[in-house]
Structure formats: structure tokens, C-alpha cells
Amino acid sequence: MSDPNIQLTESAAKRINAILAKQAGADLLRISVIGGGCSGFSYKFDLETETTDDDLVIERDGARVAIDSASIPFLENSKIDFADELIGASFRIDNPNATAACGCGTSFSI
């Protein structure tokens, strides 16, 4: 597979490091794309301790994100960010492959 060009922003790396510092035993954030949600697909975020052989691992400033091989095509050329705004704080994925998204920000269609 060619380089999927999935980027992790500085803000996301800082937040991942802050979360992992409080979670005993967790070493990385796993992002998956699963079927479901109001637009057809949803992003799933989990804290984990290990990667698998077919994971793509993205690292920035000590933060690690694992993405399974089935989810990589859905996230190609995406940017993983963390926004802390007045309406709430959350991880956001700027996904150019999504043709539509739900207002919740975690559901999309292709």
C-alpha cells in the first residue's frame, strides 16, 4: 500500500499524551472506522496497549495512534485533530473522502 498520508496534529498529540498519562496500562489511541452511525460509517476511538502487524502507526511528539488495515482506506489523506471549543472538546477527523457528515462529527458517508 502506498503512503496513506494520515496526519496527526500537534493539538491531537498533546491531548493523546494527556489522556494516556492518566490511563494506567494504555500506550496508544486506536482509531477505527466501523459501519453504523447516522451517515453510514462511524469513527471509533479506543485506548490500547498493543498494535497488530497490519496496523498503521502514526507518531508525533511521543503520542501514538494505531489504525487497522481495514480502516486505512477510509482515512487516506485525513487529518486527526483535537479541538477544545466553547461547545465542547473532542477529537475531529478532517476526512476528504467523506461525501457527507453528521452534525455529531463522528459519522460520515463515502
PDB file of N, CA and C in Angstrom:
ATOM      1  N   MET A   1       0.848  -1.177   0.000  1.00  0.00           N
ATOM      2  CA  MET A   1       0.000   0.000   0.000  1.00  0.00           C
ATOM      3  C   MET A   1       0.893   1.241   0.000  1.00  0.00           C
ATOM      4  N   SER A   2       0.509   2.212  -0.786  1.00  0.00           N
ATOM      5  CA  SER A   2       1.256   3.467  -0.796  1.00  0.00           C
ATOM      6  C   SER A   2       0.983   4.237   0.496  1.00  0.00           C
ATOM      7  N   ASP A   3       1.732   5.303   0.695  1.00  0.00           N
ATOM      8  CA  ASP A   3       1.588   6.119   1.902  1.00  0.00           C
ATOM      9  C   ASP A   3       0.181   6.692   1.975  1.00  0.00           C
ATOM     10  N   PRO A   4      -0.578   6.368   3.029  1.00  0.00           N
ATOM     11  CA  PRO A   4      -1.951   6.873   3.141  1.00  0.00           C
ATOM     12  C   PRO A   4      -2.033   8.332   3.570  1.00  0.00           C
ATOM     13  N   ASN A   5      -0.902   8.952   3.930  1.00  0.00           N
ATOM     14  CA  ASN A   5      -0.852  10.374   4.275  1.00  0.00           C
ATOM     15  C   ASN A   5      -1.901  10.766   5.316  1.00  0.00           C
ATOM     16  N   ILE A   6      -1.883  10.086   6.438  1.00  0.00           N
ATOM     17  CA  ILE A   6      -2.768  10.421   7.557  1.00  0.00           C
ATOM     18  C   ILE A   6      -1.930  11.201   8.557  1.00  0.00           C
ATOM     19  N   GLN A   7      -2.380  12.402   8.890  1.00  0.00           N
ATOM     20  CA  GLN A   7      -1.607  13.292   9.745  1.00  0.00           C
ATOM     21  C   GLN A   7      -2.225  13.426  11.131  1.00  0.00           C
ATOM     22  N   LEU A   8      -1.365  13.621  12.107  1.00  0.00           N
ATOM     23  CA  LEU A   8      -1.766  13.851  13.485  1.00  0.00           C
ATOM     24  C   LEU A   8      -1.294  15.249  13.852  1.00  0.00           C
ATOM     25  N   THR A   9      -2.224  16.114  14.256  1.00  0.00           N
ATOM     26  CA  THR A   9      -1.852  17.490  14.587  1.00  0.00           C
ATOM     27  C   THR A   9      -1.164  17.553  15.955  1.00  0.00           C
ATOM     28  N   GLU A  10      -0.492  18.662  16.193  1.00  0.00           N
ATOM     29  CA  GLU A  10       0.158  18.895  17.475  1.00  0.00           C
ATOM     30  C   GLU A  10      -0.869  18.883  18.606  1.00  0.00           C
ATOM     31  N   SER A  11      -2.019  19.496  18.374  1.00  0.00           N
ATOM     32  CA  SER A  11      -3.085  19.547  19.378  1.00  0.00           C
ATOM     33  C   SER A  11      -3.578  18.140  19.729  1.00  0.00           C
ATOM     34  N   ALA A  12      -3.756  17.291  18.734  1.00  0.00           N
ATOM     35  CA  ALA A  12      -4.201  15.922  18.978  1.00  0.00           C
ATOM     36  C   ALA A  12      -3.142  15.137  19.746  1.00  0.00           C
ATOM     37  N   ALA A  13      -1.876  15.311  19.372  1.00  0.00           N
ATOM     38  CA  ALA A  13      -0.787  14.614  20.066  1.00  0.00           C
ATOM     39  C   ALA A  13      -0.737  15.009  21.537  1.00  0.00           C
ATOM     40  N   LYS A  14      -0.887  16.299  21.820  1.00  0.00           N
ATOM     41  CA  LYS A  14      -0.874  16.755  23.214  1.00  0.00           C
ATOM     42  C   LYS A  14      -2.016  16.132  24.007  1.00  0.00           C
ATOM     43  N   ARG A  15      -3.197  16.097  23.414  1.00  0.00           N
ATOM     44  CA  ARG A  15      -4.361  15.539  24.123  1.00  0.00           C
ATOM     45  C   ARG A  15      -4.212  14.034  24.330  1.00  0.00           C
ATOM     46  N   ILE A  16      -3.701  13.323  23.337  1.00  0.00           N
ATOM     47  CA  ILE A  16      -3.475  11.882  23.473  1.00  0.00           C
ATOM     48  C   ILE A  16      -2.497  11.628  24.614  1.00  0.00           C
ATOM     49  N   ASN A  17      -1.402  12.376  24.647  1.00  0.00           N
ATOM     50  CA  ASN A  17      -0.418  12.215  25.723  1.00  0.00           C
ATOM     51  C   ASN A  17      -1.032  12.500  27.089  1.00  0.00           C
ATOM     52  N   ALA A  18      -1.890  13.513  27.184  1.00  0.00           N
ATOM     53  CA  ALA A  18      -2.545  13.850  28.452  1.00  0.00           C
ATOM     54  C   ALA A  18      -3.490  12.728  28.888  1.00  0.00           C
ATOM     55  N   ILE A  19      -4.234  12.170  27.964  1.00  0.00           N
ATOM     56  CA  ILE A  19      -5.158  11.075  28.283  1.00  0.00           C
ATOM     57  C   ILE A  19      -4.384   9.841  28.721  1.00  0.00           C
ATOM     58  N   LEU A  20      -3.343   9.483  27.967  1.00  0.00           N
ATOM     59  CA  LEU A  20      -2.580   8.275  28.282  1.00  0.00           C
ATOM     60  C   LEU A  20      -1.840   8.396  29.605  1.00  0.00           C
ATOM     61  N   ALA A  21      -1.460   9.613  29.985  1.00  0.00           N
ATOM     62  CA  ALA A  21      -0.772   9.814  31.264  1.00  0.00           C
ATOM     63  C   ALA A  21      -1.675   9.461  32.441  1.00  0.00           C
ATOM     64  N   LYS A  22      -2.992   9.539  32.237  1.00  0.00           N
ATOM     65  CA  LYS A  22      -3.958   9.253  33.303  1.00  0.00           C
ATOM     66  C   LYS A  22      -4.510   7.829  33.232  1.00  0.00           C
ATOM     67  N   GLN A  23      -4.170   7.090  32.179  1.00  0.00           N
ATOM     68  CA  GLN A  23      -4.712   5.747  31.968  1.00  0.00           C
ATOM     69  C   GLN A  23      -3.620   4.703  32.171  1.00  0.00           C
ATOM     70  N   ALA A  24      -3.627   4.055  33.298  1.00  0.00           N
ATOM     71  CA  ALA A  24      -2.628   3.022  33.573  1.00  0.00           C
ATOM     72  C   ALA A  24      -2.753   1.895  32.549  1.00  0.00           C
ATOM     73  N   GLY A  25      -1.646   1.552  31.940  1.00  0.00           N
ATOM     74  CA  GLY A  25      -1.607   0.425  31.011  1.00  0.00           C
ATOM     75  C   GLY A  25      -1.903   0.764  29.567  1.00  0.00           C
ATOM     76  N   ALA A  26      -2.454   1.910  29.276  1.00  0.00           N
ATOM     77  CA  ALA A  26      -2.740   2.279  27.887  1.00  0.00           C
ATOM     78  C   ALA A  26      -1.523   2.974  27.291  1.00  0.00           C
ATOM     79  N   ASP A  27      -1.160   2.570  26.075  1.00  0.00           N
ATOM     80  CA  ASP A  27       0.031   3.108  25.419  1.00  0.00           C
ATOM     81  C   ASP A  27      -0.263   3.877  24.141  1.00  0.00           C
ATOM     82  N   LEU A  28      -1.483   3.716  23.606  1.00  0.00           N
ATOM     83  CA  LEU A  28      -1.786   4.361  22.329  1.00  0.00           C
ATOM     84  C   LEU A  28      -3.283   4.528  22.148  1.00  0.00           C
ATOM     85  N   LEU A  29      -3.639   5.372  21.205  1.00  0.00           N
ATOM     86  CA  LEU A  29      -5.029   5.569  20.799  1.00  0.00           C
ATOM     87  C   LEU A  29      -5.251   4.801  19.512  1.00  0.00           C
ATOM     88  N   ARG A  30      -6.299   3.998  19.468  1.00  0.00           N
ATOM     89  CA  ARG A  30      -6.651   3.276  18.242  1.00  0.00           C
ATOM     90  C   ARG A  30      -7.866   3.965  17.634  1.00  0.00           C
ATOM     91  N   ILE A  31      -7.769   4.245  16.338  1.00  0.00           N
ATOM     92  CA  ILE A  31      -8.897   4.814  15.596  1.00  0.00           C
ATOM     93  C   ILE A  31      -9.318   3.794  14.552  1.00  0.00           C
ATOM     94  N   SER A  32     -10.602   3.478  14.542  1.00  0.00           N
ATOM     95  CA  SER A  32     -11.166   2.531  13.586  1.00  0.00           C
ATOM     96  C   SER A  32     -12.352   3.165  12.890  1.00  0.00           C
ATOM     97  N   VAL A  33     -12.666   2.650  11.726  1.00  0.00           N
ATOM     98  CA  VAL A  33     -13.888   3.025  11.022  1.00  0.00           C
ATOM     99  C   VAL A  33     -14.790   1.800  11.057  1.00  0.00           C
ATOM    100  N   ILE A  34     -16.005   1.993  11.569  1.00  0.00           N
ATOM    101  CA  ILE A  34     -16.961   0.897  11.671  1.00  0.00           C
ATOM    102  C   ILE A  34     -18.250   1.279  10.958  1.00  0.00           C
ATOM    103  N   GLY A  35     -18.991   0.285  10.536  1.00  0.00           N
ATOM    104  CA  GLY A  35     -20.291   0.527   9.924  1.00  0.00           C
ATOM    105  C   GLY A  35     -21.275   0.988  10.968  1.00  0.00           C
ATOM    106  N   GLY A  36     -22.147   1.921  10.590  1.00  0.00           N
ATOM    107  CA  GLY A  36     -23.162   2.400  11.513  1.00  0.00           C
ATOM    108  C   GLY A  36     -23.138   3.907  11.633  1.00  0.00           C
ATOM    109  N   GLY A  37     -23.869   4.409  12.579  1.00  0.00           N
ATOM    110  CA  GLY A  37     -23.982   5.854  12.741  1.00  0.00           C
ATOM    111  C   GLY A  37     -25.037   6.384  11.794  1.00  0.00           C
ATOM    112  N   CYS A  38     -25.353   7.629  11.918  1.00  0.00           N
ATOM    113  CA  CYS A  38     -26.441   8.197  11.128  1.00  0.00           C
ATOM    114  C   CYS A  38     -26.075   8.443   9.665  1.00  0.00           C
ATOM    115  N   SER A  39     -24.792   8.354   9.309  1.00  0.00           N
ATOM    116  CA  SER A  39     -24.404   8.591   7.919  1.00  0.00           C
ATOM    117  C   SER A  39     -23.802   7.365   7.240  1.00  0.00           C
ATOM    118  N   GLY A  40     -23.751   6.231   7.911  1.00  0.00           N
ATOM    119  CA  GLY A  40     -23.257   5.009   7.286  1.00  0.00           C
ATOM    120  C   GLY A  40     -21.991   4.448   7.911  1.00  0.00           C
ATOM    121  N   PHE A  41     -21.044   5.305   8.277  1.00  0.00           N
ATOM    122  CA  PHE A  41     -19.805   4.888   8.934  1.00  0.00           C
ATOM    123  C   PHE A  41     -19.584   5.766  10.157  1.00  0.00           C
ATOM    124  N   SER A  42     -18.869   5.217  11.127  1.00  0.00           N
ATOM    125  CA  SER A  42     -18.535   5.982  12.331  1.00  0.00           C
ATOM    126  C   SER A  42     -17.068   5.769  12.682  1.00  0.00           C
ATOM    127  N   TYR A  43     -16.496   6.788  13.312  1.00  0.00           N
ATOM    128  CA  TYR A  43     -15.147   6.668  13.849  1.00  0.00           C
ATOM    129  C   TYR A  43     -15.264   6.096  15.257  1.00  0.00           C
ATOM    130  N   LYS A  44     -14.370   5.186  15.591  1.00  0.00           N
ATOM    131  CA  LYS A  44     -14.338   4.596  16.917  1.00  0.00           C
ATOM    132  C   LYS A  44     -12.966   4.882  17.514  1.00  0.00           C
ATOM    133  N   PHE A  45     -12.932   5.330  18.763  1.00  0.00           N
ATOM    134  CA  PHE A  45     -11.696   5.667  19.460  1.00  0.00           C
ATOM    135  C   PHE A  45     -11.563   4.757  20.680  1.00  0.00           C
ATOM    136  N   ASP A  46     -10.414   4.080  20.798  1.00  0.00           N
ATOM    137  CA  ASP A  46     -10.157   3.191  21.926  1.00  0.00           C
ATOM    138  C   ASP A  46      -8.738   3.399  22.428  1.00  0.00           C
ATOM    139  N   LEU A  47      -8.530   3.189  23.717  1.00  0.00           N
ATOM    140  CA  LEU A  47      -7.182   3.189  24.289  1.00  0.00           C
ATOM    141  C   LEU A  47      -6.712   1.749  24.344  1.00  0.00           C
ATOM    142  N   GLU A  48      -5.491   1.515  23.901  1.00  0.00           N
ATOM    143  CA  GLU A  48      -4.968   0.152  23.857  1.00  0.00           C
ATOM    144  C   GLU A  48      -3.519   0.098  24.288  1.00  0.00           C
ATOM    145  N   THR A  49      -3.047  -1.124  24.463  1.00  0.00           N
ATOM    146  CA  THR A  49      -1.663  -1.331  24.887  1.00  0.00           C
ATOM    147  C   THR A  49      -0.773  -1.847  23.774  1.00  0.00           C
ATOM    148  N   GLU A  50      -1.366  -2.439  22.736  1.00  0.00           N
ATOM    149  CA  GLU A  50      -0.559  -3.080  21.698  1.00  0.00           C
ATOM    150  C   GLU A  50      -1.069  -2.761  20.305  1.00  0.00           C
ATOM    151  N   THR A  51      -0.165  -2.900  19.349  1.00  0.00           N
ATOM    152  CA  THR A  51      -0.531  -2.812  17.945  1.00  0.00           C
ATOM    153  C   THR A  51      -0.512  -4.220  17.364  1.00  0.00           C
ATOM    154  N   THR A  52      -1.080  -4.363  16.181  1.00  0.00           N
ATOM    155  CA  THR A  52      -1.003  -5.632  15.460  1.00  0.00           C
ATOM    156  C   THR A  52      -0.094  -5.437  14.252  1.00  0.00           C
ATOM    157  N   ASP A  53       0.273  -6.535  13.621  1.00  0.00           N
ATOM    158  CA  ASP A  53       1.205  -6.481  12.496  1.00  0.00           C
ATOM    159  C   ASP A  53       0.676  -5.675  11.312  1.00  0.00           C
ATOM    160  N   ASP A  54      -0.638  -5.627  11.147  1.00  0.00           N
ATOM    161  CA  ASP A  54      -1.180  -4.910   9.984  1.00  0.00           C
ATOM    162  C   ASP A  54      -1.634  -3.486  10.304  1.00  0.00           C
ATOM    163  N   ASP A  55      -1.325  -2.989  11.499  1.00  0.00           N
ATOM    164  CA  ASP A  55      -1.675  -1.617  11.873  1.00  0.00           C
ATOM    165  C   ASP A  55      -0.746  -0.603  11.216  1.00  0.00           C
ATOM    166  N   LEU A  56      -1.298   0.538  10.894  1.00  0.00           N
ATOM    167  CA  LEU A  56      -0.503   1.717  10.570  1.00  0.00           C
ATOM    168  C   LEU A  56      -0.342   2.471  11.881  1.00  0.00           C
ATOM    169  N   VAL A  57       0.885   2.785  12.257  1.00  0.00           N
ATOM    170  CA  VAL A  57       1.133   3.515  13.494  1.00  0.00           C
ATOM    171  C   VAL A  57       1.677   4.891  13.134  1.00  0.00           C
ATOM    172  N   ILE A  58       0.996   5.908  13.623  1.00  0.00           N
ATOM    173  CA  ILE A  58       1.400   7.297  13.401  1.00  0.00           C
ATOM    174  C   ILE A  58       1.909   7.829  14.728  1.00  0.00           C
ATOM    175  N   GLU A  59       3.053   8.475  14.715  1.00  0.00           N
ATOM    176  CA  GLU A  59       3.625   9.020  15.948  1.00  0.00           C
ATOM    177  C   GLU A  59       3.918  10.502  15.782  1.00  0.00           C
ATOM    178  N   ARG A  60       3.652  11.244  16.847  1.00  0.00           N
ATOM    179  CA  ARG A  60       4.011  12.659  16.885  1.00  0.00           C
ATOM    180  C   ARG A  60       4.195  13.058  18.340  1.00  0.00           C
ATOM    181  N   ASP A  61       5.307  13.668  18.636  1.00  0.00           N
ATOM    182  CA  ASP A  61       5.605  14.189  19.979  1.00  0.00           C
ATOM    183  C   ASP A  61       5.363  13.157  21.076  1.00  0.00           C
ATOM    184  N   GLY A  62       5.670  11.896  20.797  1.00  0.00           N
ATOM    185  CA  GLY A  62       5.503  10.829  21.781  1.00  0.00           C
ATOM    186  C   GLY A  62       4.135  10.176  21.781  1.00  0.00           C
ATOM    187  N   ALA A  63       3.165  10.757  21.103  1.00  0.00           N
ATOM    188  CA  ALA A  63       1.817  10.178  21.022  1.00  0.00           C
ATOM    189  C   ALA A  63       1.784   9.183  19.867  1.00  0.00           C
ATOM    190  N   ARG A  64       1.114   8.050  20.104  1.00  0.00           N
ATOM    191  CA  ARG A  64       0.985   7.040  19.054  1.00  0.00           C
ATOM    192  C   ARG A  64      -0.483   6.758  18.769  1.00  0.00           C
ATOM    193  N   VAL A  65      -0.796   6.655  17.473  1.00  0.00           N
ATOM    194  CA  VAL A  65      -2.135   6.305  17.021  1.00  0.00           C
ATOM    195  C   VAL A  65      -2.011   5.086  16.122  1.00  0.00           C
ATOM    196  N   ALA A  66      -2.825   4.079  16.377  1.00  0.00           N
ATOM    197  CA  ALA A  66      -2.856   2.878  15.542  1.00  0.00           C
ATOM    198  C   ALA A  66      -4.152   2.871  14.739  1.00  0.00           C
ATOM    199  N   ILE A  67      -4.022   2.506  13.464  1.00  0.00           N
ATOM    200  CA  ILE A  67      -5.184   2.391  12.582  1.00  0.00           C
ATOM    201  C   ILE A  67      -5.102   1.030  11.910  1.00  0.00           C
ATOM    202  N   ASP A  68      -6.158   0.228  12.023  1.00  0.00           N
ATOM    203  CA  ASP A  68      -6.147  -1.113  11.442  1.00  0.00           C
ATOM    204  C   ASP A  68      -6.203  -1.029   9.921  1.00  0.00           C
ATOM    205  N   SER A  69      -5.743  -2.081   9.273  1.00  0.00           N
ATOM    206  CA  SER A  69      -5.613  -2.073   7.812  1.00  0.00           C
ATOM    207  C   SER A  69      -6.946  -1.895   7.092  1.00  0.00           C
ATOM    208  N   ALA A  70      -8.038  -2.366   7.668  1.00  0.00           N
ATOM    209  CA  ALA A  70      -9.348  -2.213   7.027  1.00  0.00           C
ATOM    210  C   ALA A  70      -9.826  -0.758   7.064  1.00  0.00           C
ATOM    211  N   SER A  71      -9.395   0.007   8.066  1.00  0.00           N
ATOM    212  CA  SER A  71      -9.827   1.397   8.207  1.00  0.00           C
ATOM    213  C   SER A  71      -8.966   2.386   7.425  1.00  0.00           C
ATOM    214  N   ILE A  72      -7.745   1.989   7.088  1.00  0.00           N
ATOM    215  CA  ILE A  72      -6.813   2.900   6.419  1.00  0.00           C
ATOM    216  C   ILE A  72      -7.393   3.515   5.138  1.00  0.00           C
ATOM    217  N   PRO A  73      -7.996   2.739   4.236  1.00  0.00           N
ATOM    218  CA  PRO A  73      -8.520   3.365   3.002  1.00  0.00           C
ATOM    219  C   PRO A  73      -9.576   4.441   3.256  1.00  0.00           C
ATOM    220  N   PHE A  74     -10.366   4.291   4.318  1.00  0.00           N
ATOM    221  CA  PHE A  74     -11.391   5.277   4.647  1.00  0.00           C
ATOM    222  C   PHE A  74     -10.777   6.575   5.185  1.00  0.00           C
ATOM    223  N   LEU A  75      -9.562   6.485   5.722  1.00  0.00           N
ATOM    224  CA  LEU A  75      -8.918   7.631   6.363  1.00  0.00           C
ATOM    225  C   LEU A  75      -7.787   8.229   5.536  1.00  0.00           C
ATOM    226  N   GLU A  76      -7.584   7.729   4.342  1.00  0.00           N
ATOM    227  CA  GLU A  76      -6.497   8.220   3.495  1.00  0.00           C
ATOM    228  C   GLU A  76      -6.573   9.739   3.319  1.00  0.00           C
ATOM    229  N   ASN A  77      -5.440  10.407   3.496  1.00  0.00           N
ATOM    230  CA  ASN A  77      -5.298  11.868   3.366  1.00  0.00           C
ATOM    231  C   ASN A  77      -6.063  12.662   4.428  1.00  0.00           C
ATOM    232  N   SER A  78      -6.387  12.022   5.537  1.00  0.00           N
ATOM    233  CA  SER A  78      -7.118  12.695   6.621  1.00  0.00           C
ATOM    234  C   SER A  78      -6.170  13.341   7.616  1.00  0.00           C
ATOM    235  N   LYS A  79      -6.736  14.267   8.388  1.00  0.00           N
ATOM    236  CA  LYS A  79      -6.004  14.913   9.466  1.00  0.00           C
ATOM    237  C   LYS A  79      -6.766  14.675  10.765  1.00  0.00           C
ATOM    238  N   ILE A  80      -6.057  14.129  11.767  1.00  0.00           N
ATOM    239  CA  ILE A  80      -6.633  13.869  13.078  1.00  0.00           C
ATOM    240  C   ILE A  80      -6.272  15.057  13.962  1.00  0.00           C
ATOM    241  N   ASP A  81      -7.291  15.722  14.495  1.00  0.00           N
ATOM    242  CA  ASP A  81      -7.084  16.934  15.269  1.00  0.00           C
ATOM    243  C   ASP A  81      -7.852  16.826  16.585  1.00  0.00           C
ATOM    244  N   PHE A  82      -7.541  17.716  17.504  1.00  0.00           N
ATOM    245  CA  PHE A  82      -8.291  17.834  18.743  1.00  0.00           C
ATOM    246  C   PHE A  82      -8.690  19.288  18.902  1.00  0.00           C
ATOM    247  N   ALA A  83      -9.972  19.523  19.083  1.00  0.00           N
ATOM    248  CA  ALA A  83     -10.476  20.889  19.242  1.00  0.00           C
ATOM    249  C   ALA A  83     -11.084  21.051  20.623  1.00  0.00           C
ATOM    250  N   ASP A  84     -10.695  22.116  21.309  1.00  0.00           N
ATOM    251  CA  ASP A  84     -11.238  22.447  22.623  1.00  0.00           C
ATOM    252  C   ASP A  84     -11.946  23.786  22.468  1.00  0.00           C
ATOM    253  N   GLU A  85     -13.266  23.714  22.266  1.00  0.00           N
ATOM    254  CA  GLU A  85     -14.056  24.905  21.983  1.00  0.00           C
ATOM    255  C   GLU A  85     -15.114  25.106  23.061  1.00  0.00           C
ATOM    256  N   LEU A  86     -15.765  26.215  23.010  1.00  0.00           N
ATOM    257  CA  LEU A  86     -16.803  26.547  23.978  1.00  0.00           C
ATOM    258  C   LEU A  86     -17.908  25.489  24.005  1.00  0.00           C
ATOM    259  N   ILE A  87     -18.233  24.913  22.862  1.00  0.00           N
ATOM    260  CA  ILE A  87     -19.306  23.926  22.791  1.00  0.00           C
ATOM    261  C   ILE A  87     -18.844  22.528  23.190  1.00  0.00           C
ATOM    262  N   GLY A  88     -17.550  22.352  23.414  1.00  0.00           N
ATOM    263  CA  GLY A  88     -17.035  21.059  23.858  1.00  0.00           C
ATOM    264  C   GLY A  88     -15.674  20.756  23.284  1.00  0.00           C
ATOM    265  N   ALA A  89     -15.064  19.740  23.820  1.00  0.00           N
ATOM    266  CA  ALA A  89     -13.743  19.299  23.377  1.00  0.00           C
ATOM    267  C   ALA A  89     -13.877  17.908  22.783  1.00  0.00           C
ATOM    268  N   SER A  90     -13.223  17.682  21.629  1.00  0.00           N
ATOM    269  CA  SER A  90     -13.311  16.367  21.001  1.00  0.00           C
ATOM    270  C   SER A  90     -12.236  16.200  19.941  1.00  0.00           C
ATOM    271  N   PHE A  91     -11.966  14.937  19.647  1.00  0.00           N
ATOM    272  CA  PHE A  91     -11.117  14.638  18.504  1.00  0.00           C
ATOM    273  C   PHE A  91     -11.952  14.855  17.250  1.00  0.00           C
ATOM    274  N   ARG A  92     -11.328  15.395  16.241  1.00  0.00           N
ATOM    275  CA  ARG A  92     -12.007  15.652  14.967  1.00  0.00           C
ATOM    276  C   ARG A  92     -11.160  15.062  13.848  1.00  0.00           C
ATOM    277  N   ILE A  93     -11.816  14.487  12.885  1.00  0.00           N
ATOM    278  CA  ILE A  93     -11.101  13.948  11.733  1.00  0.00           C
ATOM    279  C   ILE A  93     -11.554  14.712  10.505  1.00  0.00           C
ATOM    280  N   ASP A  94     -10.600  15.419   9.908  1.00  0.00           N
ATOM    281  CA  ASP A  94     -10.850  16.133   8.661  1.00  0.00           C
ATOM    282  C   ASP A  94     -10.583  15.125   7.545  1.00  0.00           C
ATOM    283  N   ASN A  95     -11.666  14.555   7.032  1.00  0.00           N
ATOM    284  CA  ASN A  95     -11.574  13.446   6.087  1.00  0.00           C
ATOM    285  C   ASN A  95     -12.041  13.887   4.698  1.00  0.00           C
ATOM    286  N   PRO A  96     -11.107  14.050   3.750  1.00  0.00           N
ATOM    287  CA  PRO A  96     -11.503  14.475   2.406  1.00  0.00           C
ATOM    288  C   PRO A  96     -12.266  13.408   1.627  1.00  0.00           C
ATOM    289  N   ASN A  97     -12.285  12.176   2.119  1.00  0.00           N
ATOM    290  CA  ASN A  97     -13.010  11.090   1.448  1.00  0.00           C
ATOM    291  C   ASN A  97     -14.498  11.108   1.768  1.00  0.00           C
ATOM    292  N   ALA A  98     -14.876  11.779   2.845  1.00  0.00           N
ATOM    293  CA  ALA A  98     -16.277  11.815   3.269  1.00  0.00           C
ATOM    294  C   ALA A  98     -17.076  12.722   2.345  1.00  0.00           C
ATOM    295  N   THR A  99     -18.152  12.197   1.821  1.00  0.00           N
ATOM    296  CA  THR A  99     -19.029  12.984   0.961  1.00  0.00           C
ATOM    297  C   THR A  99     -20.129  13.677   1.750  1.00  0.00           C
ATOM    298  N   ALA A 100     -20.397  13.168   2.950  1.00  0.00           N
ATOM    299  CA  ALA A 100     -21.385  13.772   3.837  1.00  0.00           C
ATOM    300  C   ALA A 100     -20.994  13.412   5.263  1.00  0.00           C
ATOM    301  N   ALA A 101     -21.376  14.262   6.201  1.00  0.00           N
ATOM    302  CA  ALA A 101     -21.084  14.005   7.608  1.00  0.00           C
ATOM    303  C   ALA A 101     -22.287  14.390   8.447  1.00  0.00           C
ATOM    304  N   CYS A 102     -22.384  13.783   9.597  1.00  0.00           N
ATOM    305  CA  CYS A 102     -23.448  14.100  10.533  1.00  0.00           C
ATOM    306  C   CYS A 102     -23.016  15.246  11.416  1.00  0.00           C
ATOM    307  N   GLY A 103     -23.934  15.915  12.017  1.00  0.00           N
ATOM    308  CA  GLY A 103     -23.624  17.028  12.908  1.00  0.00           C
ATOM    309  C   GLY A 103     -22.817  16.616  14.123  1.00  0.00           C
ATOM    310  N   CYS A 104     -22.857  15.348  14.486  1.00  0.00           N
ATOM    311  CA  CYS A 104     -22.118  14.873  15.660  1.00  0.00           C
ATOM    312  C   CYS A 104     -20.614  14.839  15.406  1.00  0.00           C
ATOM    313  N   GLY A 105     -20.203  14.798  14.133  1.00  0.00           N
ATOM    314  CA  GLY A 105     -18.782  14.813  13.806  1.00  0.00           C
ATOM    315  C   GLY A 105     -18.114  13.455  13.844  1.00  0.00           C
ATOM    316  N   THR A 106     -18.835  12.408  14.238  1.00  0.00           N
ATOM    317  CA  THR A 106     -18.218  11.077  14.268  1.00  0.00           C
ATOM    318  C   THR A 106     -18.822  10.133  13.248  1.00  0.00           C
ATOM    319  N   SER A 107     -19.797  10.579  12.497  1.00  0.00           N
ATOM    320  CA  SER A 107     -20.459   9.752  11.498  1.00  0.00           C
ATOM    321  C   SER A 107     -20.293  10.399  10.131  1.00  0.00           C
ATOM    322  N   PHE A 108     -20.046   9.557   9.118  1.00  0.00           N
ATOM    323  CA  PHE A 108     -19.825  10.083   7.771  1.00  0.00           C
ATOM    324  C   PHE A 108     -20.231   9.064   6.722  1.00  0.00           C
ATOM    325  N   SER A 109     -20.310   9.506   5.486  1.00  0.00           N
ATOM    326  CA  SER A 109     -20.566   8.585   4.362  1.00  0.00           C
ATOM    327  C   SER A 109     -19.535   8.845   3.276  1.00  0.00           C
ATOM    328  N   ILE A 110     -19.351   7.837   2.435  1.00  0.00           N
ATOM    329  CA  ILE A 110     -18.394   7.931   1.340  1.00  0.00           C
ATOM    330  C   ILE A 110     -19.113   7.639   0.041  1.00  0.00           C
TER     331      ILE A 110
END
